[in-house]
C-alpha atoms as a PDB file:
ATOM      1  CA  MET A   1      29.470 -63.410  35.171  1.00  0.00           C
ATOM      2  CA  LEU A   2      28.967 -61.235  38.230  1.00  0.00           C
ATOM      3  CA  THR A   3      25.466 -59.928  38.762  1.00  0.00           C
ATOM      4  CA  GLY A   4      24.200 -56.913  40.629  1.00  0.00           C
ATOM      5  CA  THR A   5      26.080 -53.687  41.208  1.00  0.00           C
ATOM      6  CA  LEU A   6      29.182 -53.219  43.294  1.00  0.00           C
ATOM      7  CA  GLY A   7      30.065 -49.694  44.347  1.00  0.00           C
ATOM      8  CA  LEU A   8      33.623 -48.923  45.418  1.00  0.00           C
ATOM      9  CA  GLY A   9      34.470 -45.571  46.926  1.00  0.00           C
ATOM     10  CA  ILE A  10      37.186 -43.106  46.084  1.00  0.00           C
ATOM     11  CA  GLY A  11      40.768 -43.465  47.259  1.00  0.00           C
ATOM     12  CA  MET A  12      42.332 -40.424  48.913  1.00  0.00           C
ATOM     13  CA  SER A  13      45.191 -42.079  50.813  1.00  0.00           C
ATOM     14  CA  SER A  14      48.728 -40.749  50.995  1.00  0.00           C
ATOM     15  CA  VAL A  15      51.726 -42.566  49.537  1.00  0.00           C
ATOM     16  CA  GLN A  16      53.801 -44.973  51.589  1.00  0.00           C
ATOM     17  CA  PRO A  17      57.306 -45.927  50.394  1.00  0.00           C
ATOM     18  CA  ALA A  18      58.034 -49.394  49.006  1.00  0.00           C
ATOM     19  CA  VAL A  19      60.508 -51.424  51.030  1.00  0.00           C
ATOM     20  CA  GLY A  20      64.114 -50.655  50.179  1.00  0.00           C
ATOM     21  CA  ARG A  21      63.283 -47.697  47.888  1.00  0.00           C
ATOM     22  CA  THR A  22      63.236 -43.933  48.191  1.00  0.00           C
ATOM     23  CA  LYS A  23      59.803 -42.541  48.932  1.00  0.00           C
ATOM     24  CA  SER A  24      57.980 -41.487  45.775  1.00  0.00           C
ATOM     25  CA  VAL A  25      56.705 -37.970  45.221  1.00  0.00           C
ATOM     26  CA  ASP A  26      53.413 -37.573  47.081  1.00  0.00           C
ATOM     27  CA  THR A  27      51.136 -36.644  44.208  1.00  0.00           C
ATOM     28  CA  SER A  28      47.666 -35.268  44.815  1.00  0.00           C
ATOM     29  CA  SER A  29      45.112 -37.987  45.279  1.00  0.00           C
ATOM     30  CA  ILE A  30      42.620 -38.267  42.427  1.00  0.00           C
ATOM     31  CA  ALA A  31      38.998 -38.549  43.453  1.00  0.00           C
ATOM     32  CA  ARG A  32      37.204 -41.357  41.714  1.00  0.00           C
ATOM     33  CA  THR A  33      34.134 -43.528  42.112  1.00  0.00           C
ATOM     34  CA  LEU A  34      33.366 -46.774  40.356  1.00  0.00           C
ATOM     35  CA  SER A  35      30.595 -49.299  40.032  1.00  0.00           C
ATOM     36  CA  LEU A  36      30.493 -52.783  38.553  1.00  0.00           C
ATOM     37  CA  THR A  37      27.420 -54.227  36.868  1.00  0.00           C
ATOM     38  CA  GLY A  38      27.934 -57.592  35.193  1.00  0.00           C
ATOM     39  CA  ASN A  39      31.010 -57.132  33.011  1.00  0.00           C
ATOM     40  CA  GLN A  40      30.793 -53.325  32.842  1.00  0.00           C
ATOM     41  CA  VAL A  41      32.905 -51.041  35.033  1.00  0.00           C
ATOM     42  CA  LEU A  42      31.905 -47.388  35.272  1.00  0.00           C
ATOM     43  CA  TYR A  43      34.354 -44.837  36.656  1.00  0.00           C
ATOM     44  CA  HIS A  44      33.883 -41.149  37.395  1.00  0.00           C
ATOM     45  CA  VAL A  45      37.308 -39.531  37.601  1.00  0.00           C
ATOM     46  CA  GLN A  46      38.412 -36.126  38.788  1.00  0.00           C
ATOM     47  CA  GLY A  47      40.321 -34.100  36.223  1.00  0.00           C
ATOM     48  CA  ILE A  48      39.559 -35.860  32.945  1.00  0.00           C
ATOM     49  CA  LYS A  49      37.542 -33.828  30.422  1.00  0.00           C
ATOM     50  CA  GLN A  50      36.207 -36.439  27.990  1.00  0.00           C
ATOM     51  CA  PRO A  51      34.703 -39.931  28.227  1.00  0.00           C
ATOM     52  CA  ILE A  52      37.067 -42.859  27.544  1.00  0.00           C
ATOM     53  CA  LYS A  53      35.861 -46.328  26.595  1.00  0.00           C
ATOM     54  CA  VAL A  54      38.063 -49.427  26.830  1.00  0.00           C
ATOM     55  CA  LEU A  55      37.477 -53.112  26.155  1.00  0.00           C
ATOM     56  CA  HIS A  56      39.664 -55.386  28.260  1.00  0.00           C
ATOM     57  CA  VAL A  57      40.303 -58.766  26.615  1.00  0.00           C
ATOM     58  CA  THR A  58      42.378 -61.633  27.963  1.00  0.00           C
ATOM     59  CA  ASP A  59      42.795 -65.404  27.598  1.00  0.00           C
ATOM     60  CA  THR A  60      41.458 -65.989  24.085  1.00  0.00           C
ATOM     61  CA  HIS A  61      43.758 -69.020  23.719  1.00  0.00           C
ATOM     62  CA  LEU A  62      43.864 -69.147  19.940  1.00  0.00           C
ATOM     63  CA  PHE A  63      45.368 -72.429  18.755  1.00  0.00           C
ATOM     64  CA  LEU A  64      45.426 -71.945  14.961  1.00  0.00           C
ATOM     65  CA  ASP A  65      48.540 -73.515  13.424  1.00  0.00           C
ATOM     66  CA  ASP A  66      49.836 -74.639  10.033  1.00  0.00           C
ATOM     67  CA  ALA A  67      52.700 -76.587   8.475  1.00  0.00           C
ATOM     68  CA  ARG A  68      55.240 -74.145   9.920  1.00  0.00           C
ATOM     69  CA  GLY A  69      54.279 -75.356  13.387  1.00  0.00           C
ATOM     70  CA  GLU A  70      54.798 -79.049  12.726  1.00  0.00           C
ATOM     71  CA  ALA A  71      58.391 -78.881  13.924  1.00  0.00           C
ATOM     72  CA  TYR A  72      57.081 -77.705  17.318  1.00  0.00           C
ATOM     73  CA  SER A  73      54.146 -80.102  17.644  1.00  0.00           C
ATOM     74  CA  GLN A  74      55.782 -81.985  20.522  1.00  0.00           C
ATOM     75  CA  TYR A  75      55.683 -78.722  22.491  1.00  0.00           C
ATOM     76  CA  SER A  76      52.257 -77.454  21.417  1.00  0.00           C
ATOM     77  CA  GLY A  77      50.205 -80.656  21.498  1.00  0.00           C
ATOM     78  CA  ARG A  78      48.483 -80.303  24.879  1.00  0.00           C
ATOM     79  CA  MET A  79      47.480 -76.660  24.501  1.00  0.00           C
ATOM     80  CA  ALA A  80      46.455 -77.174  20.870  1.00  0.00           C
ATOM     81  CA  LYS A  81      43.624 -79.339  22.201  1.00  0.00           C
ATOM     82  CA  ALA A  82      42.757 -77.290  25.283  1.00  0.00           C
ATOM     83  CA  TYR A  83      40.164 -74.822  23.963  1.00  0.00           C
ATOM     84  CA  ASN A  84      38.981 -76.198  20.645  1.00  0.00           C
ATOM     85  CA  GLN A  85      35.374 -75.654  21.659  1.00  0.00           C
ATOM     86  CA  THR A  86      33.984 -73.613  24.532  1.00  0.00           C
ATOM     87  CA  ALA A  87      30.601 -72.528  25.866  1.00  0.00           C
ATOM     88  CA  HIS A  88      29.711 -68.878  25.333  1.00  0.00           C
ATOM     89  CA  TRP A  89      29.909 -66.944  28.609  1.00  0.00           C
ATOM     90  CA  LYS A  90      26.475 -65.374  28.110  1.00  0.00           C
ATOM     91  CA  THR A  91      24.357 -67.789  26.077  1.00  0.00           C
ATOM     92  CA  GLY A  92      25.983 -71.116  26.923  1.00  0.00           C
ATOM     93  CA  ASN A  93      25.946 -71.990  23.219  1.00  0.00           C
ATOM     94  CA  PRO A  94      28.980 -73.699  21.649  1.00  0.00           C
ATOM     95  CA  THR A  95      31.675 -71.333  20.411  1.00  0.00           C
ATOM     96  CA  ASP A  96      35.432 -71.344  19.863  1.00  0.00           C
ATOM     97  CA  PRO A  97      38.349 -68.925  20.334  1.00  0.00           C
ATOM     98  CA  GLU A  98      38.461 -67.690  16.723  1.00  0.00           C
ATOM     99  CA  ARG A  99      34.757 -66.909  16.621  1.00  0.00           C
ATOM    100  CA  ALA A 100      34.934 -65.334  20.082  1.00  0.00           C
ATOM    101  CA  PHE A 101      37.819 -63.041  19.125  1.00  0.00           C
ATOM    102  CA  GLU A 102      36.179 -61.884  15.894  1.00  0.00           C
ATOM    103  CA  GLU A 103      32.888 -61.208  17.677  1.00  0.00           C
ATOM    104  CA  THR A 104      34.745 -59.227  20.355  1.00  0.00           C
ATOM    105  CA  LEU A 105      36.475 -57.094  17.727  1.00  0.00           C
ATOM    106  CA  ALA A 106      33.091 -56.412  16.152  1.00  0.00           C
ATOM    107  CA  ILE A 107      31.723 -55.304  19.536  1.00  0.00           C
ATOM    108  CA  ALA A 108      34.748 -53.065  20.071  1.00  0.00           C
ATOM    109  CA  LYS A 109      34.150 -51.455  16.665  1.00  0.00           C
ATOM    110  CA  GLU A 110      30.454 -50.972  17.380  1.00  0.00           C
ATOM    111  CA  LEU A 111      31.236 -49.357  20.733  1.00  0.00           C
ATOM    112  CA  ASP A 112      33.917 -47.184  19.095  1.00  0.00           C
ATOM    113  CA  VAL A 113      36.379 -47.917  21.881  1.00  0.00           C
ATOM    114  CA  ASP A 114      39.371 -45.694  22.519  1.00  0.00           C
ATOM    115  CA  LEU A 115      41.498 -48.704  23.450  1.00  0.00           C
ATOM    116  CA  LEU A 116      41.452 -52.470  23.141  1.00  0.00           C
ATOM    117  CA  GLY A 117      43.511 -53.795  26.043  1.00  0.00           C
ATOM    118  CA  LEU A 118      44.905 -57.248  25.255  1.00  0.00           C
ATOM    119  CA  SER A 119      46.491 -58.577  28.421  1.00  0.00           C
ATOM    120  CA  GLY A 120      47.859 -61.965  27.600  1.00  0.00           C
ATOM    121  CA  ASP A 121      47.196 -65.566  26.606  1.00  0.00           C
ATOM    122  CA  ILE A 122      45.673 -64.399  23.360  1.00  0.00           C
ATOM    123  CA  PHE A 123      47.469 -67.511  22.076  1.00  0.00           C
ATOM    124  CA  SER A 124      47.839 -70.981  23.557  1.00  0.00           C
ATOM    125  CA  PHE A 125      51.406 -71.200  22.212  1.00  0.00           C
ATOM    126  CA  PRO A 126      53.517 -68.945  19.941  1.00  0.00           C
ATOM    127  CA  SER A 127      52.099 -70.052  16.597  1.00  0.00           C
ATOM    128  CA  GLU A 128      53.132 -68.051  13.527  1.00  0.00           C
ATOM    129  CA  ALA A 129      49.779 -68.729  11.902  1.00  0.00           C
ATOM    130  CA  ALA A 130      47.820 -67.515  14.929  1.00  0.00           C
ATOM    131  CA  VAL A 131      49.870 -64.321  15.295  1.00  0.00           C
ATOM    132  CA  GLU A 132      49.393 -63.527  11.605  1.00  0.00           C
ATOM    133  CA  TRP A 133      45.667 -64.231  11.910  1.00  0.00           C
ATOM    134  CA  VAL A 134      45.329 -61.814  14.828  1.00  0.00           C
ATOM    135  CA  MET A 135      47.450 -59.104  13.218  1.00  0.00           C
ATOM    136  CA  GLU A 136      45.406 -59.258  10.032  1.00  0.00           C
ATOM    137  CA  ARG A 137      42.185 -58.751  11.974  1.00  0.00           C
ATOM    138  CA  LEU A 138      43.548 -56.034  14.223  1.00  0.00           C
ATOM    139  CA  GLU A 139      44.878 -54.081  11.265  1.00  0.00           C
ATOM    140  CA  LYS A 140      41.627 -54.493   9.358  1.00  0.00           C
ATOM    141  CA  SER A 141      39.615 -53.315  12.372  1.00  0.00           C
ATOM    142  CA  GLY A 142      41.612 -50.100  12.748  1.00  0.00           C
ATOM    143  CA  LEU A 143      41.270 -50.417  16.525  1.00  0.00           C
ATOM    144  CA  ASN A 144      43.814 -48.803  18.825  1.00  0.00           C
ATOM    145  CA  TYR A 145      45.256 -51.547  21.023  1.00  0.00           C
ATOM    146  CA  LEU A 146      47.839 -52.247  23.696  1.00  0.00           C
ATOM    147  CA  TYR A 147      49.185 -55.779  24.178  1.00  0.00           C
ATOM    148  CA  THR A 148      51.168 -57.566  26.838  1.00  0.00           C
ATOM    149  CA  THR A 149      52.043 -61.251  26.904  1.00  0.00           C
ATOM    150  CA  GLY A 150      50.617 -64.051  28.998  1.00  0.00           C
ATOM    151  CA  ASN A 151      52.527 -67.154  30.025  1.00  0.00           C
ATOM    152  CA  HIS A 152      51.069 -69.263  27.195  1.00  0.00           C
ATOM    153  CA  ASP A 153      51.743 -66.680  24.479  1.00  0.00           C
ATOM    154  CA  TRP A 154      55.464 -67.396  24.525  1.00  0.00           C
ATOM    155  CA  HIS A 155      55.593 -70.900  26.051  1.00  0.00           C
ATOM    156  CA  TYR A 156      56.143 -74.119  24.130  1.00  0.00           C
ATOM    157  CA  GLU A 157      55.604 -76.781  26.790  1.00  0.00           C
ATOM    158  CA  GLY A 158      58.618 -78.974  27.428  1.00  0.00           C
ATOM    159  CA  MET A 159      61.060 -76.745  25.557  1.00  0.00           C
ATOM    160  CA  GLU A 160      64.293 -76.276  27.477  1.00  0.00           C
ATOM    161  CA  GLY A 161      65.133 -72.874  28.862  1.00  0.00           C
ATOM    162  CA  THR A 162      64.233 -70.495  31.663  1.00  0.00           C
ATOM    163  CA  SER A 163      61.047 -68.473  31.553  1.00  0.00           C
ATOM    164  CA  HIS A 164      63.086 -65.294  31.064  1.00  0.00           C
ATOM    165  CA  ALA A 165      64.979 -66.744  28.094  1.00  0.00           C
ATOM    166  CA  LEU A 166      61.967 -68.358  26.425  1.00  0.00           C
ATOM    167  CA  ARG A 167      59.884 -65.213  26.829  1.00  0.00           C
ATOM    168  CA  ALA A 168      62.606 -63.106  25.237  1.00  0.00           C
ATOM    169  CA  THR A 169      63.111 -65.585  22.385  1.00  0.00           C
ATOM    170  CA  TRP A 170      59.497 -65.988  21.322  1.00  0.00           C
ATOM    171  CA  SER A 171      58.554 -62.386  21.961  1.00  0.00           C
ATOM    172  CA  GLU A 172      61.175 -61.494  19.364  1.00  0.00           C
ATOM    173  CA  LYS A 173      60.581 -64.365  16.927  1.00  0.00           C
ATOM    174  CA  ARG A 174      56.776 -64.531  16.922  1.00  0.00           C
ATOM    175  CA  LEU A 175      54.998 -61.909  19.028  1.00  0.00           C
ATOM    176  CA  LYS A 176      56.981 -58.834  17.964  1.00  0.00           C
ATOM    177  CA  PRO A 177      54.347 -57.328  15.608  1.00  0.00           C
ATOM    178  CA  LEU A 178      51.856 -57.081  18.474  1.00  0.00           C
ATOM    179  CA  PHE A 179      54.156 -54.800  20.478  1.00  0.00           C
ATOM    180  CA  GLN A 180      53.945 -52.100  17.775  1.00  0.00           C
ATOM    181  CA  GLY A 181      57.541 -51.056  18.385  1.00  0.00           C
ATOM    182  CA  ASN A 182      57.126 -50.819  22.166  1.00  0.00           C
ATOM    183  CA  ASN A 183      59.333 -52.520  24.713  1.00  0.00           C
ATOM    184  CA  PRO A 184      57.828 -56.033  25.088  1.00  0.00           C
ATOM    185  CA  LEU A 185      58.012 -55.814  28.882  1.00  0.00           C
ATOM    186  CA  MET A 186      56.351 -52.421  29.365  1.00  0.00           C
ATOM    187  CA  ALA A 187      54.522 -49.779  27.397  1.00  0.00           C
ATOM    188  CA  ALA A 188      52.444 -46.677  28.033  1.00  0.00           C
ATOM    189  CA  GLN A 189      49.739 -44.914  26.093  1.00  0.00           C
ATOM    190  CA  GLU A 190      48.013 -41.712  27.198  1.00  0.00           C
ATOM    191  CA  ILE A 191      44.396 -41.327  26.152  1.00  0.00           C
ATOM    192  CA  LYS A 192      42.407 -38.193  26.982  1.00  0.00           C
ATOM    193  CA  GLY A 193      44.196 -37.623  30.277  1.00  0.00           C
ATOM    194  CA  ILE A 194      44.563 -41.215  31.527  1.00  0.00           C
ATOM    195  CA  THR A 195      47.813 -43.158  31.096  1.00  0.00           C
ATOM    196  CA  PHE A 196      47.316 -46.842  30.300  1.00  0.00           C
ATOM    197  CA  LEU A 197      50.282 -49.035  31.218  1.00  0.00           C
ATOM    198  CA  SER A 198      50.872 -52.597  30.017  1.00  0.00           C
ATOM    199  CA  MET A 199      53.345 -54.567  32.119  1.00  0.00           C
ATOM    200  CA  ASP A 200      54.518 -58.109  31.387  1.00  0.00           C
ATOM    201  CA  ASN A 201      54.416 -60.212  34.557  1.00  0.00           C
ATOM    202  CA  SER A 202      53.769 -63.461  32.673  1.00  0.00           C
ATOM    203  CA  ASN A 203      56.533 -65.317  34.539  1.00  0.00           C
ATOM    204  CA  TYR A 204      55.131 -64.067  37.879  1.00  0.00           C
ATOM    205  CA  GLU A 205      58.079 -61.716  38.356  1.00  0.00           C
ATOM    206  CA  ILE A 206      58.912 -58.037  37.790  1.00  0.00           C
ATOM    207  CA  THR A 207      62.253 -56.606  36.681  1.00  0.00           C
ATOM    208  CA  SER A 208      63.901 -53.546  38.184  1.00  0.00           C
ATOM    209  CA  GLU A 209      63.429 -51.727  34.857  1.00  0.00           C
ATOM    210  CA  GLN A 210      59.681 -52.374  35.041  1.00  0.00           C
ATOM    211  CA  LEU A 211      59.549 -51.127  38.625  1.00  0.00           C
ATOM    212  CA  ASP A 212      61.332 -47.921  37.616  1.00  0.00           C
ATOM    213  CA  PHE A 213      59.002 -47.517  34.626  1.00  0.00           C
ATOM    214  CA  PHE A 214      55.910 -47.809  36.808  1.00  0.00           C
ATOM    215  CA  THR A 215      57.347 -45.478  39.454  1.00  0.00           C
ATOM    216  CA  LYS A 216      58.061 -42.827  36.812  1.00  0.00           C
ATOM    217  CA  HIS A 217      54.453 -42.824  35.673  1.00  0.00           C
ATOM    218  CA  ARG A 218      53.150 -42.917  39.214  1.00  0.00           C
ATOM    219  CA  GLN A 219      55.214 -39.883  40.115  1.00  0.00           C
ATOM    220  CA  ALA A 220      53.874 -37.967  37.111  1.00  0.00           C
ATOM    221  CA  GLY A 221      50.620 -37.679  39.054  1.00  0.00           C
ATOM    222  CA  LYS A 222      48.220 -38.350  36.175  1.00  0.00           C
ATOM    223  CA  PRO A 223      45.538 -41.008  36.564  1.00  0.00           C
ATOM    224  CA  ILE A 224      46.851 -44.406  35.455  1.00  0.00           C
ATOM    225  CA  VAL A 225      45.375 -47.809  34.637  1.00  0.00           C
ATOM    226  CA  LEU A 226      47.533 -50.940  34.789  1.00  0.00           C
ATOM    227  CA  LEU A 227      47.049 -53.913  32.434  1.00  0.00           C
ATOM    228  CA  VAL A 228      48.819 -57.174  33.359  1.00  0.00           C
ATOM    229  CA  HIS A 229      48.251 -60.855  32.722  1.00  0.00           C
ATOM    230  CA  ILE A 230      48.736 -62.418  36.159  1.00  0.00           C
ATOM    231  CA  PRO A 231      46.730 -60.771  38.955  1.00  0.00           C
ATOM    232  CA  PHE A 232      48.475 -59.470  42.031  1.00  0.00           C
ATOM    233  CA  TYR A 233      48.209 -61.183  45.385  1.00  0.00           C
ATOM    234  CA  ALA A 234      45.169 -60.230  47.423  1.00  0.00           C
ATOM    235  CA  PRO A 235      44.615 -61.664  50.928  1.00  0.00           C
ATOM    236  CA  GLY A 236      42.576 -64.842  50.780  1.00  0.00           C
ATOM    237  CA  ARG A 237      43.277 -65.496  47.089  1.00  0.00           C
ATOM    238  CA  PRO A 238      45.088 -68.656  45.925  1.00  0.00           C
ATOM    239  CA  VAL A 239      48.566 -68.761  44.446  1.00  0.00           C
ATOM    240  CA  GLY A 240      47.112 -68.215  40.967  1.00  0.00           C
ATOM    241  CA  PHE A 241      46.922 -64.583  42.091  1.00  0.00           C
ATOM    242  CA  GLY A 242      50.619 -65.050  42.125  1.00  0.00           C
ATOM    243  CA  CYS A 243      52.400 -61.785  41.427  1.00  0.00           C
ATOM    244  CA  GLY A 244      53.548 -60.926  44.919  1.00  0.00           C
ATOM    245  CA  HIS A 245      51.893 -63.903  46.651  1.00  0.00           C
ATOM    246  CA  PRO A 246      53.918 -64.590  49.843  1.00  0.00           C
ATOM    247  CA  ASP A 247      53.688 -68.375  49.335  1.00  0.00           C
ATOM    248  CA  TRP A 248      54.675 -68.388  45.650  1.00  0.00           C
ATOM    249  CA  GLY A 249      57.638 -70.654  44.944  1.00  0.00           C
ATOM    250  CA  TRP A 250      58.975 -74.192  44.741  1.00  0.00           C
ATOM    251  CA  GLU A 251      56.837 -75.828  47.432  1.00  0.00           C
ATOM    252  CA  VAL A 252      53.447 -74.797  46.015  1.00  0.00           C
ATOM    253  CA  ASP A 253      54.250 -75.290  42.326  1.00  0.00           C
ATOM    254  CA  LYS A 254      52.156 -78.349  41.469  1.00  0.00           C
ATOM    255  CA  ASN A 255      51.850 -77.862  37.694  1.00  0.00           C
ATOM    256  CA  TYR A 256      55.406 -77.479  36.448  1.00  0.00           C
ATOM    257  CA  GLU A 257      55.551 -81.033  35.062  1.00  0.00           C
ATOM    258  CA  LEU A 258      52.119 -80.792  33.408  1.00  0.00           C
ATOM    259  CA  GLU A 259      53.024 -77.437  31.854  1.00  0.00           C
ATOM    260  CA  GLY A 260      56.531 -78.549  30.871  1.00  0.00           C
ATOM    261  CA  ARG A 261      58.409 -75.667  32.449  1.00  0.00           C
ATOM    262  CA  VAL A 262      61.080 -74.922  35.025  1.00  0.00           C
ATOM    263  CA  ARG A 263      59.804 -75.173  38.586  1.00  0.00           C
ATOM    264  CA  TRP A 264      59.299 -71.916  40.463  1.00  0.00           C
ATOM    265  CA  PRO A 265      62.356 -70.939  42.540  1.00  0.00           C
ATOM    266  CA  LYS A 266      62.913 -72.197  46.079  1.00  0.00           C
ATOM    267  CA  GLU A 267      63.561 -68.670  47.321  1.00  0.00           C
ATOM    268  CA  GLY A 268      60.173 -67.422  46.111  1.00  0.00           C
ATOM    269  CA  HIS A 269      59.687 -63.918  44.778  1.00  0.00           C
ATOM    270  CA  THR A 270      62.518 -61.486  44.206  1.00  0.00           C
ATOM    271  CA  GLU A 271      62.700 -58.386  46.378  1.00  0.00           C
ATOM    272  CA  VAL A 272      61.917 -56.313  43.274  1.00  0.00           C
ATOM    273  CA  THR A 273      58.636 -58.153  42.732  1.00  0.00           C
ATOM    274  CA  LYS A 274      57.692 -57.646  46.375  1.00  0.00           C
ATOM    275  CA  ALA A 275      58.552 -53.950  46.117  1.00  0.00           C
ATOM    276  CA  PHE A 276      56.478 -53.658  42.941  1.00  0.00           C
ATOM    277  CA  HIS A 277      53.432 -55.088  44.716  1.00  0.00           C
ATOM    278  CA  GLN A 278      53.805 -52.438  47.410  1.00  0.00           C
ATOM    279  CA  GLU A 279      54.380 -49.705  44.847  1.00  0.00           C
ATOM    280  CA  VAL A 280      51.232 -50.613  42.917  1.00  0.00           C
ATOM    281  CA  PHE A 281      48.931 -50.641  45.921  1.00  0.00           C
ATOM    282  CA  ASN A 282      50.351 -47.440  47.380  1.00  0.00           C
ATOM    283  CA  SER A 283      49.677 -45.377  44.247  1.00  0.00           C
ATOM    284  CA  PRO A 284      47.013 -42.716  44.853  1.00  0.00           C
ATOM    285  CA  ASN A 285      46.672 -42.026  41.122  1.00  0.00           C
ATOM    286  CA  LEU A 286      46.200 -45.691  40.118  1.00  0.00           C
ATOM    287  CA  LEU A 287      42.554 -46.141  39.119  1.00  0.00           C
ATOM    288  CA  GLY A 288      42.745 -49.910  38.894  1.00  0.00           C
ATOM    289  CA  VAL A 289      44.493 -53.079  37.823  1.00  0.00           C
ATOM    290  CA  PHE A 290      43.019 -55.283  35.074  1.00  0.00           C
ATOM    291  CA  ALA A 291      44.284 -58.852  34.731  1.00  0.00           C
ATOM    292  CA  GLY A 292      43.412 -62.329  33.460  1.00  0.00           C
ATOM    293  CA  HIS A 293      45.053 -65.752  33.842  1.00  0.00           C
ATOM    294  CA  VAL A 294      42.672 -67.377  36.344  1.00  0.00           C
ATOM    295  CA  HIS A 295      39.771 -67.684  33.845  1.00  0.00           C
ATOM    296  CA  ARG A 296      37.009 -66.239  35.989  1.00  0.00           C
ATOM    297  CA  GLN A 297      35.721 -62.761  36.694  1.00  0.00           C
ATOM    298  CA  THR A 298      36.681 -61.447  40.109  1.00  0.00           C
ATOM    299  CA  VAL A 299      37.244 -58.164  41.894  1.00  0.00           C
ATOM    300  CA  ASP A 300      39.384 -57.349  44.934  1.00  0.00           C
ATOM    301  CA  GLN A 301      40.132 -54.059  46.635  1.00  0.00           C
ATOM    302  CA  ILE A 302      43.617 -53.703  48.079  1.00  0.00           C
ATOM    303  CA  SER A 303      44.447 -50.526  50.035  1.00  0.00           C
ATOM    304  CA  GLY A 304      41.515 -48.880  48.303  1.00  0.00           C
ATOM    305  CA  ILE A 305      42.702 -49.821  44.790  1.00  0.00           C
ATOM    306  CA  PRO A 306      40.495 -52.221  42.815  1.00  0.00           C
ATOM    307  CA  GLN A 307      41.838 -55.176  40.885  1.00  0.00           C
ATOM    308  CA  PHE A 308      39.560 -56.740  38.275  1.00  0.00           C
ATOM    309  CA  VAL A 309      40.131 -60.097  36.636  1.00  0.00           C
ATOM    310  CA  THR A 310      38.282 -60.555  33.348  1.00  0.00           C
ATOM    311  CA  ALA A 311      36.695 -63.854  32.319  1.00  0.00           C
ATOM    312  CA  PRO A 312      38.358 -65.657  29.376  1.00  0.00           C
ATOM    313  CA  ASN A 313      37.758 -64.375  25.872  1.00  0.00           C
ATOM    314  CA  ALA A 314      37.898 -68.020  24.718  1.00  0.00           C
ATOM    315  CA  THR A 315      34.246 -67.996  25.824  1.00  0.00           C
ATOM    316  CA  GLY A 316      33.562 -64.621  24.217  1.00  0.00           C
ATOM    317  CA  ALA A 317      33.922 -62.730  27.503  1.00  0.00           C
ATOM    318  CA  PHE A 318      35.438 -59.267  27.902  1.00  0.00           C
ATOM    319  CA  MET A 319      35.174 -56.337  30.298  1.00  0.00           C
ATOM    320  CA  GLU A 320      33.806 -52.971  29.201  1.00  0.00           C
ATOM    321  CA  LEU A 321      35.336 -49.965  30.974  1.00  0.00           C
ATOM    322  CA  ASP A 322      33.934 -46.442  30.895  1.00  0.00           C
ATOM    323  CA  PHE A 323      35.853 -43.525  32.381  1.00  0.00           C
ATOM    324  CA  LEU A 324      33.733 -40.374  32.711  1.00  0.00           C
ATOM    325  CA  PRO A 325      34.541 -36.879  34.014  1.00  0.00           C
ATOM    326  CA  MET A 326      33.438 -36.313  37.581  1.00  0.00           C
ATOM    327  CA  GLU A 327      30.953 -33.481  37.854  1.00  0.00           C
ATOM    328  CA  GLU A 328      31.625 -30.660  40.295  1.00  0.00           C
ATOM    329  CA  ARG A 329      28.447 -31.435  42.241  1.00  0.00           C
ATOM    330  CA  ASP A 330      29.742 -34.983  42.831  1.00  0.00           C
ATOM    331  CA  LEU A 331      33.276 -33.877  43.622  1.00  0.00           C
ATOM    332  CA  ALA A 332      31.851 -31.623  46.316  1.00  0.00           C
ATOM    333  CA  LEU A 333      30.519 -34.717  48.087  1.00  0.00           C
ATOM    334  CA  PHE A 334      34.024 -35.771  49.024  1.00  0.00           C
ATOM    335  CA  SER A 335      36.451 -34.158  51.406  1.00  0.00           C
ATOM    336  CA  GLN A 336      39.661 -33.012  49.736  1.00  0.00           C
ATOM    337  CA  LYS A 337      42.461 -33.648  52.202  1.00  0.00           C
END
């Protein structure tokens, strides 16, 4: 848990084109301020009229399984034992992923959130029993949610196939109900003037369709929030912040045998993924990126845009986001250029 308060100023920068792409429409910059206290992020945003409350949840790592999963036990064995018991992020008392998830849903209900953002590794492997368990509780809660996959959600360790193929297979066979009819790789939901985007980067890469999808929403000029599983590269961060990391690839992939997957490519990131990184951090209407994967709470600011990583929900952790209208007296403090 981070302590104290971190204040990050507004971003008023102009748009720069991503490499190899036509320059995007230069939308008006949106004045915003934010502060971080513990696991609570408070925004004041120009143009929105009503408060918006979001709970960001990632890395629950549910491992519930039943007889239907026995045929896949050779692929699920390691992760089925990975998070059986954890220490609560706040109290240090013993807990477990199921208890943590149910307690988080109860908090979300009590706070009357506008959105529950589930950004990946809700599961440790694509268990039918675990997906059904989550869907039952989400439906019972009545909470509005947006889900994108993490690398463990669709990965059976040691199963043959590329990350693209395995993700497509298990997203269709097991995870489909969580997408609520949306495209598994990208979805958008507008809430009270802010567009929340979920983008699947769980194999560390971005497709051209995803880049176009993001660019379309960026060019619309409305304030946007981006939910992903793997955080984007920030200078000084390790390769775990791997979406767009310049060193990502074959030579630095030390865990492919342990995780039973295809080794990262020798050529590193695709040009599309590199362009997406540039597009994200040259978006004047992007309020922030919220990610998981690395299992610790962090914050970086890249070209004036904050990226928050939320601590794992397997320990009961979450991040509470409040977006409030910016008052005229506060807006007047900033130069509009």
